[in-house]
Amino acid sequence: MNASIRDKNKPIGYIIGGSLKESLRARLIVPPQEVREGSFVVIRTSDWQFYGLITDLQLGATDPRFADEPSGERLQSAISDLLQGQTLFTTLEVLPTLMLERGPDPGSPEYAQWREKRGAISSKTIPVKTIPSHYAEVLPANEGDVAEIFGSETSSGYFRIGNTREQGHPVCIDLVKLIQRSSGIFGATGTGKSFLTRIILSGLIKEKLASLLIFDMHNEYGLDDTATDTQESVPGLKGKFPAAVRIVGLGRGASVRGQAPDFNLEFAQSDIQPQDIELLTHELNLKDTTPATLDALVSSFGIENWYSKFKAMKPGSVIQGEDGKRMPAPDSVETWALENNVNSLAATSLHNKMTRLFHLPYIVEQPAANGLNEIIKALQNGQHIVLSFGDHENDLDYLLVTNLLTRRIREKWVEMTNAHRSHIERTAEPRQLVVVLEEAHKLLNHEMARQTTFSTIAREMRKYGVTLLVIDQRPSQIYSEVMSQLGSRICGWLGDDDDIHAVLSGLAGRDALRGMLARLQPKEEVILLGWGIPMPLVIQSRRYDNQFWGELLGKTHGKVNETQIMKELGFQS
């Protein structure tokens, strides 16, 4: 909207029709170029105030002849202008979302009676249950209206994610509500998902509301980076929160962008379970016989030893018998298969395909240190873990490591929560944990969702204080059952209709929001949706730059003193 309307907050139209199930219709009284799809508007009527979103603009005419023939060419300009306002007009479609009881005018006698009747009960917004009357004024939302719905930065737990696109009013999200359920950040490649994710993660770290476990597949979040388009430096979370963020490298001696991590993570061979292998069915091109072979291995050697024993076998190894005939060697895959009534070709094929796993440097017989326990301890102490994959950036590493680590952490959080609630042991309740997962469709698609821990976290782990934050460019490939569990959705531009449909699935008014999402600007424009968002809204997201860090950390942010470091490490209250 233009400056004159924005400053004076004058009405832009009035209600002329509509219904509760469908959108409201309003007659526009300002030039249509001053109003944009997605604008946040307020409708005032009687004792109530309605909040809604402009979802469409339509040209209309009282007589089609006036619309078909340009009046400016054959009529005087004064008459033509009059026709533009009377016979030719623009209507708005407004999606009503919330309503708030304001009561009579504070200066009227009725107001005192209304206050006395209500007592100490304060007015709160509720989902829209009725509709405004004819000719109710439609106004652009002012800063107070936005704060009424989305909260203010001055309130604890509220974090400014951006500004309204037209008026520039600050828009906050409730971080406490955001992490109560799993959430998602979506957008096509190049729309700035990673920058927006950094902004939200920075807010969570600053507010100390939860611990973060970030699977940093492309080494983007922990250490400083360089933007691919502008070549400007992009600060990492470790540089801004040195005491609170710990970088973990994958494998002994691993480095991240040439720098040594805080510590390294290795997995013992005994950590590998059959379901971890089945998760890699597509990546390793495993056959349908794989589960039966894995079950036989576990029966033969036990759940902790099957992997190391299978790795030690030598497929195709033969010896020469006393009769001169060649036969499978005792340490061969074929001998084990024969002794355990397993198809020899199936066992040999599985061993050959698992060779990629056998050569992984971060799966060892005996880890040098218990990196998993160190990760859990850091998360419990309120620190944040960025697991950088370093040189292990292929899908095999990502699928295996994320599932291995998250399964163990899930078991630990369930154990700690049950111990706390049983009151048998005096144990503290585990700290709220948010697992940040990039390339989520690789782990949460229809084929894999049932096998991974992440699907369980999305469905069941909220009661144990663990939720997901998924970041993805193809939401249509995420299993629909998992998508339905994402309470808050922050979405940039998407070009694929299936992706748009997936993001809007399960939301009221999705048909009206579909076009709005498709017409977002390619960068820095996002729409806020879902359970954790009071109402859908298109915003201009904050920029991840020096101004952002100055506002978040203050101008005096520099070296961290010893007292602050010890406090963030959890050694002081």
Protein backbone atom coordinates (compact mmCIF):
# COMPACT_ATOMS: atom_id res chain seq x y z
CA MET A 1 0.00 0.00 0.00
CA ASN A 2 1.22 3.51 -0.64
CA ALA A 3 2.51 5.90 1.98
CA SER A 4 -0.65 7.98 2.34
CA ILE A 5 -2.78 4.99 3.22
CA ARG A 6 -0.11 3.46 5.38
CA ASP A 7 0.41 6.63 7.43
CA LYS A 8 -3.20 7.66 7.91
CA ASN A 9 -4.59 4.13 8.18
CA LYS A 10 -7.71 5.16 6.32
CA PRO A 11 -10.28 2.63 5.10
CA ILE A 12 -9.50 1.04 1.76
CA GLY A 13 -12.96 -0.44 1.23
CA TYR A 14 -16.16 -1.78 2.77
CA ILE A 15 -17.81 -5.19 2.96
CA ILE A 16 -20.48 -5.89 0.35
CA GLY A 17 -20.95 -9.67 0.60
CA GLY A 18 -19.48 -13.08 1.24
CA SER A 19 -20.00 -15.93 3.68
CA LEU A 20 -18.34 -17.65 6.62
CA LYS A 21 -17.41 -20.70 4.54
CA GLU A 22 -16.20 -18.65 1.59
CA SER A 23 -14.21 -15.42 1.45
CA LEU A 24 -15.71 -12.02 2.17
CA ARG A 25 -16.11 -9.50 -0.66
CA ALA A 26 -15.22 -5.85 -0.21
CA ARG A 27 -15.62 -2.86 -2.55
CA LEU A 28 -12.31 -1.05 -2.95
CA ILE A 29 -12.36 2.74 -2.60
CA VAL A 30 -8.70 3.36 -3.46
CA PRO A 31 -6.85 2.61 -6.71
CA PRO A 32 -6.22 -1.15 -7.01
CA GLN A 33 -2.50 -0.57 -7.53
CA GLU A 34 -2.30 0.52 -3.88
CA VAL A 35 -3.43 -2.89 -2.58
CA ARG A 36 -1.63 -6.20 -2.99
CA GLU A 37 -2.55 -9.83 -2.62
CA GLY A 38 -1.54 -11.11 0.80
CA SER A 39 -2.10 -7.81 2.62
CA PHE A 40 -3.12 -8.06 6.27
CA VAL A 41 -6.37 -6.15 6.82
CA VAL A 42 -8.72 -5.38 9.68
CA ILE A 43 -12.52 -5.24 9.44
CA ARG A 44 -14.29 -3.17 12.08
CA THR A 45 -17.95 -3.70 12.81
CA SER A 46 -20.08 -3.14 15.90
CA ASP A 47 -18.28 -4.47 18.98
CA TRP A 48 -16.04 -6.82 17.03
CA GLN A 49 -12.87 -6.59 15.00
CA PHE A 50 -12.04 -9.15 12.33
CA TYR A 51 -8.60 -9.96 10.97
CA GLY A 52 -8.13 -11.27 7.46
CA LEU A 53 -5.95 -11.63 4.43
CA ILE A 54 -6.54 -10.29 0.92
CA THR A 55 -6.47 -13.32 -1.35
CA ASP A 56 -7.71 -11.85 -4.66
CA LEU A 57 -8.58 -8.64 -6.48
CA GLN A 58 -11.26 -8.57 -9.19
CA LEU A 59 -12.36 -5.91 -11.67
CA GLY A 60 -16.10 -5.34 -11.96
CA ALA A 61 -18.62 -3.14 -13.73
CA THR A 62 -22.26 -2.23 -13.16
CA ASP A 63 -22.76 -2.43 -16.92
CA PRO A 64 -20.46 -4.55 -19.12
CA ARG A 65 -20.62 -1.91 -21.87
CA PHE A 66 -18.59 0.51 -19.80
CA ALA A 67 -15.89 -2.13 -19.24
CA ASP A 68 -15.74 -3.14 -22.91
CA GLU A 69 -15.30 0.35 -24.34
CA PRO A 70 -12.55 2.74 -23.07
CA SER A 71 -14.44 5.81 -21.79
CA GLY A 72 -11.38 8.05 -21.80
CA GLU A 73 -11.32 8.19 -25.58
CA ARG A 74 -14.87 9.50 -26.06
CA LEU A 75 -15.78 11.26 -22.80
CA GLN A 76 -14.39 14.20 -20.93
CA SER A 77 -11.81 13.32 -18.26
CA ALA A 78 -14.06 14.41 -15.36
CA ILE A 79 -16.88 12.15 -16.54
CA SER A 80 -14.44 9.33 -17.22
CA ASP A 81 -13.05 9.57 -13.69
CA LEU A 82 -16.57 9.52 -12.29
CA LEU A 83 -17.34 6.36 -14.24
CA GLN A 84 -14.19 4.75 -12.91
CA GLY A 85 -15.45 5.16 -9.37
CA GLN A 86 -19.13 4.42 -9.94
CA THR A 87 -19.67 2.02 -12.82
CA LEU A 88 -16.19 0.51 -12.95
CA PHE A 89 -14.81 -0.76 -9.66
CA THR A 90 -12.52 -3.29 -7.96
CA THR A 91 -13.57 -5.85 -5.39
CA LEU A 92 -11.39 -7.63 -2.86
CA GLU A 93 -11.65 -11.19 -1.63
CA VAL A 94 -10.76 -11.28 2.06
CA LEU A 95 -10.14 -14.54 3.90
CA PRO A 96 -11.29 -13.93 7.51
CA THR A 97 -9.20 -15.83 10.05
CA LEU A 98 -9.57 -14.34 13.54
CA MET A 99 -11.97 -12.14 15.48
CA LEU A 100 -11.61 -10.07 18.64
CA GLU A 101 -14.28 -8.51 20.84
CA ARG A 102 -13.44 -4.83 21.31
CA GLY A 103 -16.67 -3.67 22.90
CA PRO A 104 -18.39 -0.30 22.49
CA ASP A 105 -16.51 2.94 22.05
CA PRO A 106 -14.56 3.63 25.29
CA GLY A 107 -16.15 7.07 25.53
CA SER A 108 -19.74 5.82 25.38
CA PRO A 109 -22.01 4.92 28.35
CA GLU A 110 -22.36 1.40 26.93
CA TYR A 111 -18.62 0.78 27.37
CA ALA A 112 -18.80 0.94 31.19
CA GLN A 113 -21.67 -1.53 31.22
CA TRP A 114 -19.78 -3.83 28.84
CA ARG A 115 -16.65 -3.73 31.03
CA GLU A 116 -18.67 -4.42 34.16
CA LYS A 117 -20.35 -7.37 32.51
CA ARG A 118 -17.06 -8.85 31.34
CA GLY A 119 -15.27 -8.24 34.64
CA ALA A 120 -11.55 -8.98 34.64
CA ILE A 121 -11.74 -11.22 31.57
CA SER A 122 -9.45 -9.86 28.89
CA SER A 123 -10.34 -10.04 25.23
CA LYS A 124 -8.50 -12.64 23.20
CA THR A 125 -8.55 -13.44 19.54
CA ILE A 126 -10.52 -16.51 18.56
CA PRO A 127 -11.01 -18.32 15.25
CA VAL A 128 -13.63 -16.57 13.16
CA LYS A 129 -17.13 -17.80 14.06
CA THR A 130 -19.32 -15.19 12.41
CA ILE A 131 -19.09 -12.46 9.79
CA PRO A 132 -19.06 -8.66 9.83
CA SER A 133 -22.10 -6.70 8.70
CA HIS A 134 -22.58 -4.98 5.37
CA TYR A 135 -20.53 -1.82 4.82
CA ALA A 136 -18.09 -2.67 7.63
CA GLU A 137 -14.86 -0.76 7.06
CA VAL A 138 -11.81 -2.58 5.74
CA LEU A 139 -8.52 -1.01 6.85
CA PRO A 140 -4.86 -1.95 6.46
CA ALA A 141 -3.52 -3.46 9.68
CA ASN A 142 -1.42 -1.04 11.70
CA GLU A 143 1.55 -1.93 13.90
CA GLY A 144 -0.69 -2.41 16.93
CA ASP A 145 -2.92 -4.84 15.04
CA VAL A 146 0.08 -6.89 13.96
CA ALA A 147 1.43 -6.96 17.52
CA GLU A 148 -2.02 -7.94 18.81
CA ILE A 149 -1.96 -11.09 16.67
CA PHE A 150 1.73 -11.99 16.35
CA GLY A 151 3.14 -10.60 19.58
CA SER A 152 5.92 -8.13 20.25
CA GLU A 153 9.70 -8.44 20.51
CA THR A 154 9.45 -6.99 24.00
CA SER A 155 7.63 -10.14 25.17
CA SER A 156 9.67 -13.14 26.26
CA GLY A 157 9.93 -15.90 23.67
CA TYR A 158 8.80 -13.76 20.74
CA PHE A 159 11.28 -13.36 17.92
CA ARG A 160 10.98 -11.02 14.94
CA ILE A 161 11.20 -13.07 11.78
CA GLY A 162 10.41 -10.25 9.36
CA ASN A 163 8.02 -7.43 8.50
CA THR A 164 4.70 -7.07 6.77
CA ARG A 165 5.35 -6.77 3.08
CA GLU A 166 3.41 -3.55 2.46
CA GLN A 167 3.52 -1.51 5.66
CA GLY A 168 6.82 -2.79 7.05
CA HIS A 169 5.41 -3.58 10.51
CA PRO A 170 7.46 -6.10 12.55
CA VAL A 171 6.11 -9.67 12.62
CA CYS A 172 7.13 -12.07 15.38
CA ILE A 173 6.81 -15.80 15.89
CA ASP A 174 6.28 -17.45 19.24
CA LEU A 175 9.40 -19.59 19.60
CA VAL A 176 7.93 -21.51 22.53
CA LYS A 177 4.97 -22.56 20.40
CA LEU A 178 7.20 -23.19 17.39
CA ILE A 179 9.18 -25.91 19.19
CA GLN A 180 6.22 -27.52 20.92
CA ARG A 181 5.51 -29.42 17.71
CA SER A 182 7.63 -30.32 14.72
CA SER A 183 7.85 -27.64 12.04
CA GLY A 184 9.16 -27.14 8.53
CA ILE A 185 10.91 -24.57 6.34
CA PHE A 186 10.27 -25.04 2.64
CA GLY A 187 11.17 -23.33 -0.61
CA ALA A 188 12.64 -24.03 -4.02
CA THR A 189 16.40 -24.12 -4.45
CA GLY A 190 17.89 -20.63 -4.22
CA THR A 191 15.02 -19.03 -2.28
CA GLY A 192 17.10 -18.54 0.87
CA LYS A 193 15.97 -21.46 3.05
CA SER A 194 19.39 -21.80 4.65
CA PHE A 195 19.56 -18.10 5.53
CA LEU A 196 16.06 -18.18 7.02
CA THR A 197 16.97 -21.31 8.96
CA ARG A 198 20.08 -19.60 10.35
CA ILE A 199 17.92 -16.67 11.49
CA ILE A 200 15.46 -18.92 13.36
CA LEU A 201 18.23 -21.06 14.87
CA SER A 202 19.98 -17.90 16.06
CA GLY A 203 16.78 -16.81 17.79
CA LEU A 204 16.39 -20.17 19.52
CA ILE A 205 20.01 -20.12 20.70
CA LYS A 206 19.71 -16.53 21.94
CA GLU A 207 16.49 -17.24 23.86
CA LYS A 208 17.88 -20.52 25.32
CA LEU A 209 14.55 -22.29 24.88
CA ALA A 210 15.88 -25.61 23.58
CA SER A 211 19.00 -27.47 22.62
CA LEU A 212 19.62 -27.93 18.90
CA LEU A 213 21.03 -30.97 17.12
CA ILE A 214 21.82 -29.76 13.61
CA PHE A 215 22.68 -32.24 10.87
CA ASP A 216 24.82 -29.98 8.70
CA MET A 217 25.12 -32.00 5.52
CA HIS A 218 26.76 -29.26 3.46
CA ASN A 219 28.77 -27.62 6.29
CA GLU A 220 26.70 -24.42 6.14
CA TYR A 221 25.62 -23.66 9.69
CA GLY A 222 28.53 -24.13 12.03
CA LEU A 223 31.47 -22.17 10.64
CA ASP A 224 31.66 -19.00 8.56
CA ASP A 225 30.82 -19.45 4.89
CA THR A 226 30.76 -17.43 1.68
CA ALA A 227 27.53 -16.68 -0.20
CA THR A 228 27.58 -18.23 -3.66
CA ASP A 229 25.77 -15.34 -5.34
CA THR A 230 27.28 -12.27 -3.65
CA GLN A 231 30.60 -13.78 -2.49
CA GLU A 232 30.07 -12.03 0.84
CA SER A 233 31.02 -13.61 4.15
CA VAL A 234 28.19 -15.46 5.91
CA PRO A 235 28.68 -15.79 9.69
CA GLY A 236 28.34 -19.24 11.20
CA LEU A 237 26.62 -20.02 14.48
CA LYS A 238 29.88 -21.04 16.14
CA GLY A 239 31.46 -17.62 15.58
CA LYS A 240 28.49 -15.77 17.09
CA PHE A 241 27.83 -18.19 19.97
CA PRO A 242 31.29 -19.64 20.68
CA ALA A 243 30.47 -21.05 24.11
CA ALA A 244 27.03 -22.39 23.27
CA VAL A 245 27.70 -24.11 19.92
CA ARG A 246 29.97 -27.13 19.51
CA ILE A 247 31.13 -28.40 16.13
CA VAL A 248 31.36 -32.18 15.78
CA GLY A 249 33.36 -33.80 12.98
CA LEU A 250 32.52 -37.20 11.54
CA GLY A 251 35.34 -39.70 11.93
CA ARG A 252 38.74 -39.68 13.64
CA GLY A 253 40.92 -36.76 12.59
CA ALA A 254 38.13 -35.14 10.55
CA SER A 255 38.27 -31.39 9.85
CA VAL A 256 35.54 -28.94 8.85
CA ARG A 257 36.54 -26.37 6.24
CA GLY A 258 40.16 -26.92 7.25
CA GLN A 259 39.48 -26.33 10.95
CA ALA A 260 39.55 -28.84 13.78
CA PRO A 261 36.11 -29.50 15.32
CA ASP A 262 35.45 -29.42 19.06
CA PHE A 263 35.45 -33.21 19.03
CA ASN A 264 34.91 -36.09 16.62
CA LEU A 265 32.21 -38.72 16.41
CA GLU A 266 32.83 -42.39 15.66
CA PHE A 267 30.42 -45.32 15.79
CA ALA A 268 31.29 -48.75 17.09
CA GLN A 269 30.56 -51.69 14.84
CA SER A 270 28.29 -52.98 17.59
CA ASP A 271 26.08 -49.89 17.11
CA ILE A 272 24.96 -51.04 13.66
CA GLN A 273 21.60 -52.80 13.66
CA PRO A 274 19.78 -54.60 10.83
CA GLN A 275 17.22 -51.79 10.43
CA ASP A 276 20.08 -49.39 9.70
CA ILE A 277 21.02 -51.56 6.72
CA GLU A 278 17.44 -51.93 5.53
CA LEU A 279 17.18 -48.13 5.53
CA LEU A 280 19.82 -48.12 2.77
CA THR A 281 17.84 -50.44 0.48
CA HIS A 282 17.60 -47.89 -2.33
CA GLU A 283 21.10 -46.50 -1.89
CA LEU A 284 22.77 -49.94 -1.88
CA ASN A 285 20.28 -51.52 -4.30
CA LEU A 286 19.51 -54.31 -1.84
CA LYS A 287 17.33 -57.26 -2.75
CA ASP A 288 14.13 -58.53 -1.15
CA THR A 289 16.12 -61.33 0.48
CA THR A 290 18.14 -58.87 2.61
CA PRO A 291 15.91 -58.94 5.76
CA ALA A 292 16.05 -62.74 5.89
CA THR A 293 19.85 -62.74 5.57
CA LEU A 294 20.20 -60.08 8.28
CA ASP A 295 17.94 -62.03 10.64
CA ALA A 296 20.12 -65.11 10.13
CA LEU A 297 23.27 -63.09 10.91
CA VAL A 298 21.77 -61.79 14.16
CA SER A 299 20.67 -65.32 15.13
CA SER A 300 24.19 -66.61 14.48
CA PHE A 301 26.29 -63.93 16.16
CA GLY A 302 23.99 -61.73 18.28
CA ILE A 303 22.86 -58.15 17.84
CA GLU A 304 26.22 -56.65 18.88
CA ASN A 305 28.57 -58.90 16.92
CA TRP A 306 26.81 -59.68 13.64
CA TYR A 307 28.25 -56.67 11.78
CA SER A 308 31.89 -57.28 12.72
CA LYS A 309 31.60 -61.03 12.04
CA PHE A 310 29.99 -60.46 8.66
CA LYS A 311 32.61 -57.87 7.75
CA ALA A 312 35.38 -60.36 8.54
CA MET A 313 33.98 -62.98 6.17
CA LYS A 314 35.61 -63.39 2.78
CA PRO A 315 33.21 -63.91 -0.11
CA GLY A 316 34.48 -66.36 -2.69
CA SER A 317 37.33 -67.61 -0.49
CA VAL A 318 38.14 -71.26 -1.23
CA ILE A 319 40.51 -73.95 -0.05
CA GLN A 320 41.62 -77.22 -1.58
CA GLY A 321 40.41 -80.35 0.18
CA GLU A 322 42.28 -83.60 0.73
CA ASP A 323 40.67 -84.99 -2.38
CA GLY A 324 42.00 -82.08 -4.41
CA LYS A 325 38.59 -80.47 -4.88
CA ARG A 326 38.08 -76.78 -4.25
CA MET A 327 35.57 -75.90 -1.53
CA PRO A 328 34.48 -72.74 0.35
CA ALA A 329 36.95 -71.69 3.03
CA PRO A 330 35.82 -71.81 6.69
CA ASP A 331 35.93 -67.98 6.87
CA SER A 332 33.96 -67.47 3.66
CA VAL A 333 30.44 -66.10 3.32
CA GLU A 334 29.46 -69.25 1.45
CA THR A 335 30.42 -71.55 4.35
CA TRP A 336 28.39 -69.49 6.82
CA ALA A 337 25.42 -69.48 4.44
CA LEU A 338 25.59 -73.25 4.00
CA GLU A 339 25.80 -73.89 7.75
CA ASN A 340 22.83 -71.60 8.50
CA ASN A 341 20.57 -72.64 5.65
CA VAL A 342 20.83 -69.24 3.93
CA ASN A 343 20.89 -68.72 0.20
CA SER A 344 24.58 -68.45 -0.68
CA LEU A 345 24.09 -66.05 -3.59
CA ALA A 346 21.91 -63.74 -1.46
CA ALA A 347 24.48 -63.66 1.36
CA THR A 348 27.37 -63.01 -1.02
CA SER A 349 25.46 -60.26 -2.80
CA LEU A 350 24.65 -58.55 0.53
CA HIS A 351 28.29 -58.71 1.63
CA ASN A 352 29.47 -57.20 -1.65
CA LYS A 353 26.97 -54.35 -1.43
CA MET A 354 27.83 -53.67 2.20
CA THR A 355 31.48 -53.22 1.27
CA ARG A 356 30.78 -49.48 1.02
CA LEU A 357 29.85 -49.55 4.71
CA PHE A 358 32.80 -51.74 5.69
CA HIS A 359 35.18 -49.09 4.32
CA LEU A 360 33.59 -46.14 6.13
CA PRO A 361 36.27 -44.62 8.40
CA TYR A 362 33.83 -43.49 11.11
CA ILE A 363 32.57 -47.03 11.84
CA VAL A 364 35.32 -48.69 13.85
CA GLU A 365 35.76 -51.69 16.11
CA GLN A 366 36.54 -49.55 19.17
CA PRO A 367 35.98 -45.74 19.08
CA ALA A 368 38.75 -43.62 20.60
CA ALA A 369 36.18 -41.77 22.71
CA ASN A 370 32.48 -41.98 23.44
CA GLY A 371 31.40 -39.16 21.17
CA LEU A 372 27.73 -40.08 21.48
CA ASN A 373 27.74 -39.61 25.25
CA GLU A 374 29.55 -36.31 24.83
CA ILE A 375 26.86 -35.13 22.41
CA ILE A 376 24.07 -36.11 24.81
CA LYS A 377 25.84 -34.43 27.73
CA ALA A 378 26.29 -31.22 25.76
CA LEU A 379 22.62 -31.17 24.69
CA GLN A 380 21.51 -31.77 28.27
CA ASN A 381 23.67 -28.86 29.44
CA GLY A 382 21.92 -26.48 27.06
CA GLN A 383 24.58 -26.47 24.36
CA HIS A 384 23.95 -26.95 20.66
CA ILE A 385 25.56 -29.52 18.40
CA VAL A 386 26.35 -28.94 14.73
CA LEU A 387 27.31 -32.28 13.20
CA SER A 388 29.31 -31.43 10.09
CA PHE A 389 29.71 -34.24 7.59
CA GLY A 390 32.97 -32.83 6.21
CA ASP A 391 34.03 -34.90 3.20
CA HIS A 392 31.24 -37.45 3.81
CA GLU A 393 28.54 -35.60 1.90
CA ASN A 394 26.90 -38.38 -0.10
CA ASP A 395 23.44 -39.76 0.58
CA LEU A 396 24.76 -43.00 2.08
CA ASP A 397 26.58 -41.14 4.86
CA TYR A 398 23.63 -38.84 5.50
CA LEU A 399 21.03 -41.60 5.70
CA LEU A 400 23.14 -43.83 7.92
CA VAL A 401 24.60 -41.30 10.36
CA THR A 402 21.44 -39.29 10.98
CA ASN A 403 19.41 -42.40 11.70
CA LEU A 404 22.11 -44.00 13.88
CA LEU A 405 22.60 -40.92 16.02
CA THR A 406 18.95 -39.94 16.30
CA ARG A 407 17.86 -43.44 17.28
CA ARG A 408 20.28 -43.45 20.19
CA ILE A 409 19.27 -39.96 21.29
CA ARG A 410 15.59 -40.86 21.08
CA GLU A 411 16.18 -43.88 23.34
CA LYS A 412 18.08 -41.70 25.82
CA TRP A 413 15.41 -38.96 25.93
CA VAL A 414 12.65 -41.53 26.49
CA GLU A 415 14.71 -43.13 29.26
CA MET A 416 15.40 -39.79 30.99
CA THR A 417 11.79 -38.63 30.68
CA ASN A 418 10.40 -41.86 32.13
CA ALA A 419 12.91 -41.73 34.99
CA HIS A 420 11.91 -38.16 35.76
CA ARG A 421 8.18 -38.87 35.71
CA SER A 422 8.41 -42.09 37.72
CA HIS A 423 9.79 -40.18 40.75
CA ILE A 424 11.78 -43.31 41.58
CA GLU A 425 15.00 -41.51 40.84
CA ARG A 426 15.69 -37.85 41.43
CA THR A 427 16.48 -37.06 37.83
CA ALA A 428 15.93 -33.78 36.04
CA GLU A 429 13.54 -33.59 33.12
CA PRO A 430 15.52 -33.72 29.86
CA ARG A 431 15.98 -30.40 28.11
CA GLN A 432 13.74 -29.63 25.14
CA LEU A 433 15.51 -30.82 21.99
CA VAL A 434 15.01 -29.75 18.38
CA VAL A 435 16.53 -31.96 15.69
CA VAL A 436 17.29 -29.91 12.58
CA LEU A 437 17.15 -32.01 9.43
CA GLU A 438 18.10 -30.82 5.94
CA GLU A 439 17.20 -32.71 2.75
CA ALA A 440 14.32 -34.13 4.78
CA HIS A 441 12.66 -35.90 1.83
CA LYS A 442 15.58 -38.34 1.66
CA LEU A 443 14.70 -39.67 5.11
CA LEU A 444 10.99 -38.93 5.33
CA ASN A 445 9.68 -40.10 1.98
CA HIS A 446 6.94 -42.71 1.80
CA GLU A 447 9.35 -45.65 1.50
CA MET A 448 11.69 -44.70 4.37
CA ALA A 449 9.53 -42.76 6.82
CA ARG A 450 8.31 -45.90 8.56
CA GLN A 451 11.87 -47.18 9.04
CA THR A 452 13.57 -44.05 10.35
CA THR A 453 13.53 -42.57 13.82
CA PHE A 454 12.49 -39.21 12.41
CA SER A 455 8.99 -40.35 11.60
CA THR A 456 8.64 -41.56 15.20
CA ILE A 457 9.88 -38.20 16.48
CA ALA A 458 7.35 -36.32 14.35
CA ARG A 459 4.46 -38.51 15.52
CA GLU A 460 5.23 -39.43 19.12
CA MET A 461 8.27 -37.70 20.64
CA ARG A 462 6.64 -34.36 21.47
CA LYS A 463 5.64 -35.76 24.87
CA TYR A 464 9.32 -36.55 25.50
CA GLY A 465 10.47 -33.04 24.59
CA VAL A 466 11.90 -33.84 21.13
CA THR A 467 10.67 -32.22 17.91
CA LEU A 468 11.90 -31.82 14.34
CA LEU A 469 12.72 -28.79 12.23
CA VAL A 470 12.82 -30.02 8.65
CA ILE A 471 14.24 -27.99 5.76
CA ASP A 472 13.43 -29.13 2.25
CA GLN A 473 12.86 -27.99 -1.33
CA ARG A 474 10.52 -30.87 -2.26
CA PRO A 475 7.81 -31.12 0.40
CA SER A 476 5.66 -33.23 -1.93
CA GLN A 477 8.15 -36.09 -1.48
CA ILE A 478 7.76 -36.09 2.31
CA TYR A 479 5.36 -38.73 3.61
CA SER A 480 1.91 -37.19 4.10
CA GLU A 481 1.58 -38.60 7.63
CA VAL A 482 4.76 -36.76 8.62
CA MET A 483 3.65 -33.53 6.90
CA SER A 484 0.42 -33.63 8.89
CA GLN A 485 2.48 -33.53 12.12
CA LEU A 486 4.30 -30.30 11.20
CA GLY A 487 2.62 -27.67 13.33
CA SER A 488 4.26 -24.57 11.83
CA ARG A 489 5.28 -24.15 8.20
CA ILE A 490 7.38 -21.31 6.83
CA CYS A 491 7.45 -21.41 3.06
CA GLY A 492 9.20 -19.48 0.32
CA TRP A 493 8.44 -19.63 -3.39
CA LEU A 494 7.64 -23.05 -4.83
CA GLY A 495 7.23 -23.66 -8.54
CA ASP A 496 5.75 -27.15 -8.46
CA ASP A 497 2.01 -27.60 -7.93
CA ASP A 498 2.53 -30.82 -5.98
CA ASP A 499 4.90 -29.06 -3.58
CA ILE A 500 2.41 -26.23 -3.06
CA HIS A 501 -0.37 -28.73 -2.40
CA ALA A 502 1.80 -30.58 0.14
CA VAL A 503 2.66 -27.42 2.11
CA LEU A 504 -1.00 -26.36 2.30
CA SER A 505 -2.39 -29.82 3.09
CA GLY A 506 -4.57 -29.88 6.17
CA LEU A 507 -4.89 -26.09 6.41
CA ALA A 508 -8.12 -24.11 6.34
CA GLY A 509 -8.51 -21.82 3.33
CA ARG A 510 -5.81 -23.63 1.34
CA ASP A 511 -7.56 -22.97 -1.98
CA ALA A 512 -7.39 -19.23 -1.34
CA LEU A 513 -3.75 -19.45 -0.25
CA ARG A 514 -2.55 -21.53 -3.21
CA GLY A 515 -2.15 -18.65 -5.67
CA MET A 516 -0.59 -16.45 -3.03
CA LEU A 517 2.14 -18.99 -2.34
CA ALA A 518 2.84 -19.50 -6.03
CA ARG A 519 3.28 -15.74 -6.58
CA LEU A 520 5.83 -15.08 -3.84
CA GLN A 521 9.02 -13.30 -4.83
CA PRO A 522 11.90 -15.76 -5.41
CA LYS A 523 13.87 -14.39 -2.44
CA GLU A 524 13.12 -13.00 1.02
CA GLU A 525 9.35 -13.36 0.76
CA VAL A 526 7.78 -16.16 2.79
CA ILE A 527 4.34 -17.13 3.98
CA LEU A 528 3.75 -18.18 7.60
CA LEU A 529 1.27 -21.04 8.02
CA GLY A 530 0.04 -23.71 10.38
CA TRP A 531 -0.81 -24.48 13.98
CA GLY A 532 1.97 -22.42 15.52
CA ILE A 533 1.10 -19.31 13.48
CA PRO A 534 -1.96 -17.27 14.58
CA MET A 535 -3.04 -16.66 10.97
CA PRO A 536 -1.50 -17.03 7.50
CA LEU A 537 0.60 -14.04 6.52
CA VAL A 538 3.00 -13.09 3.74
CA ILE A 539 6.06 -11.30 5.11
CA GLN A 540 9.41 -9.90 4.03
CA SER A 541 11.91 -11.99 5.97
CA ARG A 542 14.83 -10.44 7.82
CA ARG A 543 18.17 -10.36 6.07
CA TYR A 544 20.97 -12.44 7.52
CA ASP A 545 23.52 -9.62 7.72
CA ASN A 546 25.42 -7.42 10.15
CA GLN A 547 22.28 -5.46 10.96
CA PHE A 548 20.55 -8.66 12.03
CA TRP A 549 23.42 -9.63 14.34
CA GLY A 550 23.62 -6.10 15.73
CA GLU A 551 19.92 -6.21 16.61
CA LEU A 552 20.09 -9.75 18.02
CA LEU A 553 23.27 -9.56 20.07
CA GLY A 554 23.66 -5.84 20.62
CA LYS A 555 26.34 -3.48 19.41
CA THR A 556 28.69 -4.45 22.24
CA HIS A 557 28.88 -8.09 21.20
CA GLY A 558 32.49 -9.09 20.97
CA LYS A 559 34.70 -11.35 23.02
CA VAL A 560 32.89 -13.53 25.52
CA ASN A 561 34.19 -13.24 29.08
CA GLU A 562 34.95 -16.26 31.27
CA THR A 563 31.88 -15.83 33.48
CA GLN A 564 29.54 -15.89 30.49
CA ILE A 565 31.28 -18.94 29.02
CA MET A 566 30.98 -20.89 32.29
CA LYS A 567 27.33 -19.94 32.60
CA GLU A 568 26.52 -21.10 29.06
CA LEU A 569 28.38 -24.34 29.71
CA GLY A 570 26.01 -24.98 32.62
CA PHE A 571 28.50 -24.69 35.48
CA GLN A 572 26.87 -21.59 36.99
CA SER A 573 23.26 -20.70 37.50
